[in-house]
Amino acid sequence: MNYLLDTNIVTAILKQNQKLKRKLASVQRQGSEIFISGITITYFETKRGLLAVNATRKISDFHFFCTE
């Protein structure tokens, strides 16, 4: 089974929600793939929010998350 994450989940991951991070690691170990809606709503909502508050470290984390 594959997973498509929405903006709320991506934001929680960037805020270092350990429960979510463990769940995603478990899902990946089981061979599932994890996606965000790349060039649409989730990506741009997250990026816009991080840019609005000038969260440079989280922008870097978000870029890494999107390229994993």
N, C-alpha and C. Protein backbone atom coordinates (compact mmCIF):
# COMPACT_ATOMS: atom_id res chain seq x y z
N MET A 1 0.84 -1.17 0.00
CA MET A 1 0.00 0.00 0.00
C MET A 1 0.89 1.24 0.00
N ASN A 2 0.54 2.22 -0.80
CA ASN A 2 1.26 3.48 -0.85
C ASN A 2 0.48 4.54 -0.09
N TYR A 3 1.17 5.61 0.30
CA TYR A 3 0.56 6.67 1.10
C TYR A 3 0.76 8.02 0.45
N LEU A 4 -0.31 8.83 0.42
CA LEU A 4 -0.26 10.19 -0.07
C LEU A 4 -0.51 11.10 1.12
N LEU A 5 0.50 11.89 1.49
CA LEU A 5 0.42 12.72 2.68
C LEU A 5 -0.17 14.09 2.36
N ASP A 6 -0.99 14.60 3.30
CA ASP A 6 -1.52 15.94 3.11
C ASP A 6 -0.66 16.96 3.87
N THR A 7 -1.00 18.22 3.73
CA THR A 7 -0.20 19.31 4.30
C THR A 7 -0.05 19.18 5.81
N ASN A 8 -1.10 18.81 6.52
CA ASN A 8 -1.03 18.69 7.98
C ASN A 8 -0.01 17.64 8.41
N ILE A 9 0.03 16.54 7.73
CA ILE A 9 0.97 15.47 8.07
C ILE A 9 2.40 15.91 7.76
N VAL A 10 2.61 16.53 6.61
CA VAL A 10 3.95 17.00 6.25
C VAL A 10 4.44 18.03 7.27
N THR A 11 3.55 18.94 7.67
CA THR A 11 3.91 19.95 8.66
C THR A 11 4.28 19.30 9.99
N ALA A 12 3.53 18.31 10.41
CA ALA A 12 3.84 17.61 11.67
C ALA A 12 5.19 16.91 11.59
N ILE A 13 5.52 16.35 10.45
CA ILE A 13 6.83 15.70 10.26
C ILE A 13 7.93 16.73 10.38
N LEU A 14 7.74 17.89 9.75
CA LEU A 14 8.77 18.94 9.82
C LEU A 14 8.92 19.49 11.23
N LYS A 15 7.86 19.37 12.04
CA LYS A 15 7.94 19.81 13.44
C LYS A 15 8.50 18.70 14.33
N GLN A 16 9.03 17.66 13.71
CA GLN A 16 9.69 16.56 14.42
C GLN A 16 8.74 15.72 15.27
N ASN A 17 7.52 15.49 14.80
CA ASN A 17 6.58 14.63 15.49
C ASN A 17 7.13 13.19 15.44
N GLN A 18 7.62 12.74 16.57
CA GLN A 18 8.32 11.45 16.62
C GLN A 18 7.40 10.27 16.32
N LYS A 19 6.16 10.33 16.77
CA LYS A 19 5.22 9.24 16.50
C LYS A 19 5.02 9.08 14.99
N LEU A 20 4.83 10.19 14.30
CA LEU A 20 4.67 10.14 12.85
C LEU A 20 5.94 9.67 12.15
N LYS A 21 7.08 10.16 12.60
CA LYS A 21 8.34 9.75 11.99
C LYS A 21 8.56 8.25 12.12
N ARG A 22 8.22 7.70 13.30
CA ARG A 22 8.36 6.24 13.49
C ARG A 22 7.40 5.48 12.57
N LYS A 23 6.16 5.99 12.45
CA LYS A 23 5.17 5.34 11.59
C LYS A 23 5.64 5.34 10.13
N LEU A 24 6.15 6.47 9.66
CA LEU A 24 6.63 6.54 8.28
C LEU A 24 7.82 5.61 8.04
N ALA A 25 8.71 5.54 9.02
CA ALA A 25 9.85 4.62 8.90
C ALA A 25 9.36 3.19 8.81
N SER A 26 8.37 2.84 9.61
CA SER A 26 7.81 1.49 9.59
C SER A 26 7.17 1.19 8.24
N VAL A 27 6.43 2.14 7.72
CA VAL A 27 5.77 1.98 6.42
C VAL A 27 6.80 1.77 5.32
N GLN A 28 7.88 2.55 5.36
CA GLN A 28 8.93 2.40 4.34
C GLN A 28 9.62 1.05 4.45
N ARG A 29 9.86 0.58 5.67
CA ARG A 29 10.50 -0.74 5.85
C ARG A 29 9.63 -1.85 5.27
N GLN A 30 8.32 -1.65 5.27
CA GLN A 30 7.40 -2.66 4.73
C GLN A 30 7.32 -2.60 3.21
N GLY A 31 8.06 -1.66 2.61
CA GLY A 31 8.10 -1.58 1.16
C GLY A 31 7.09 -0.62 0.55
N SER A 32 6.33 0.08 1.38
CA SER A 32 5.37 1.05 0.85
C SER A 32 6.09 2.32 0.45
N GLU A 33 5.50 3.02 -0.50
CA GLU A 33 6.05 4.30 -0.92
C GLU A 33 5.20 5.41 -0.34
N ILE A 34 5.85 6.55 -0.08
CA ILE A 34 5.19 7.70 0.51
C ILE A 34 5.32 8.87 -0.46
N PHE A 35 4.20 9.53 -0.71
CA PHE A 35 4.18 10.64 -1.66
C PHE A 35 3.50 11.85 -1.04
N ILE A 36 3.83 13.02 -1.57
CA ILE A 36 3.00 14.19 -1.36
C ILE A 36 2.53 14.61 -2.74
N SER A 37 1.49 15.41 -2.77
CA SER A 37 0.97 15.83 -4.08
C SER A 37 1.91 16.90 -4.64
N GLY A 38 3.00 16.41 -5.20
CA GLY A 38 4.17 17.14 -5.67
C GLY A 38 4.01 18.56 -6.14
N ILE A 39 3.45 18.79 -7.28
CA ILE A 39 3.44 20.13 -7.83
C ILE A 39 2.06 20.75 -7.61
N THR A 40 1.38 20.31 -6.59
CA THR A 40 0.06 20.86 -6.33
C THR A 40 -0.07 21.34 -4.91
N ILE A 41 -1.21 21.18 -4.36
CA ILE A 41 -1.59 21.84 -3.12
C ILE A 41 -0.63 21.58 -1.96
N THR A 42 -0.36 20.35 -1.59
CA THR A 42 0.46 20.07 -0.40
C THR A 42 1.84 20.70 -0.50
N TYR A 43 2.49 20.54 -1.63
CA TYR A 43 3.83 21.10 -1.78
C TYR A 43 3.81 22.61 -1.61
N PHE A 44 2.92 23.28 -2.34
CA PHE A 44 2.90 24.74 -2.30
C PHE A 44 2.37 25.31 -0.99
N GLU A 45 1.41 24.64 -0.37
CA GLU A 45 0.94 25.11 0.94
C GLU A 45 2.07 25.05 1.96
N THR A 46 2.78 23.96 1.96
CA THR A 46 3.88 23.80 2.92
C THR A 46 4.99 24.81 2.63
N LYS A 47 5.40 24.90 1.39
CA LYS A 47 6.47 25.83 1.03
C LYS A 47 6.09 27.28 1.32
N ARG A 48 4.87 27.66 0.98
CA ARG A 48 4.40 29.03 1.23
C ARG A 48 4.42 29.35 2.73
N GLY A 49 3.95 28.40 3.54
CA GLY A 49 3.94 28.61 4.98
C GLY A 49 5.35 28.78 5.55
N LEU A 50 6.27 27.97 5.10
CA LEU A 50 7.65 28.07 5.58
C LEU A 50 8.30 29.37 5.13
N LEU A 51 8.04 29.77 3.90
CA LEU A 51 8.59 31.03 3.41
C LEU A 51 8.00 32.23 4.15
N ALA A 52 6.73 32.16 4.49
CA ALA A 52 6.05 33.26 5.18
C ALA A 52 6.67 33.56 6.54
N VAL A 53 7.16 32.53 7.20
CA VAL A 53 7.77 32.73 8.53
C VAL A 53 9.29 32.67 8.46
N ASN A 54 9.83 32.64 7.24
CA ASN A 54 11.27 32.63 7.03
C ASN A 54 11.96 31.48 7.79
N ALA A 55 11.37 30.31 7.72
CA ALA A 55 11.88 29.13 8.42
C ALA A 55 12.93 28.43 7.55
N THR A 56 14.10 29.02 7.46
CA THR A 56 15.12 28.52 6.54
C THR A 56 15.54 27.09 6.85
N ARG A 57 15.67 26.74 8.10
CA ARG A 57 16.07 25.37 8.46
C ARG A 57 14.98 24.38 8.03
N LYS A 58 13.72 24.72 8.28
CA LYS A 58 12.64 23.81 7.91
C LYS A 58 12.46 23.76 6.39
N ILE A 59 12.77 24.84 5.70
CA ILE A 59 12.73 24.81 4.24
C ILE A 59 13.74 23.79 3.73
N SER A 60 14.93 23.79 4.33
CA SER A 60 15.95 22.82 3.97
C SER A 60 15.48 21.40 4.30
N ASP A 61 14.88 21.22 5.49
CA ASP A 61 14.34 19.91 5.87
C ASP A 61 13.25 19.46 4.90
N PHE A 62 12.40 20.39 4.49
CA PHE A 62 11.32 20.08 3.56
C PHE A 62 11.88 19.64 2.20
N HIS A 63 12.88 20.35 1.74
CA HIS A 63 13.51 19.98 0.47
C HIS A 63 14.10 18.57 0.57
N PHE A 64 14.79 18.27 1.67
CA PHE A 64 15.34 16.92 1.87
C PHE A 64 14.22 15.89 1.91
N PHE A 65 13.14 16.18 2.64
CA PHE A 65 12.00 15.27 2.74
C PHE A 65 11.43 14.96 1.36
N CYS A 66 11.34 15.99 0.52
CA CYS A 66 10.76 15.81 -0.82
C CYS A 66 11.66 15.03 -1.77
N THR A 67 12.94 14.98 -1.48
CA THR A 67 13.87 14.29 -2.38
C THR A 67 14.29 12.92 -1.88
N GLU A 68 13.85 12.54 -0.69
CA GLU A 68 14.22 11.21 -0.15
C GLU A 68 13.70 10.10 -1.01
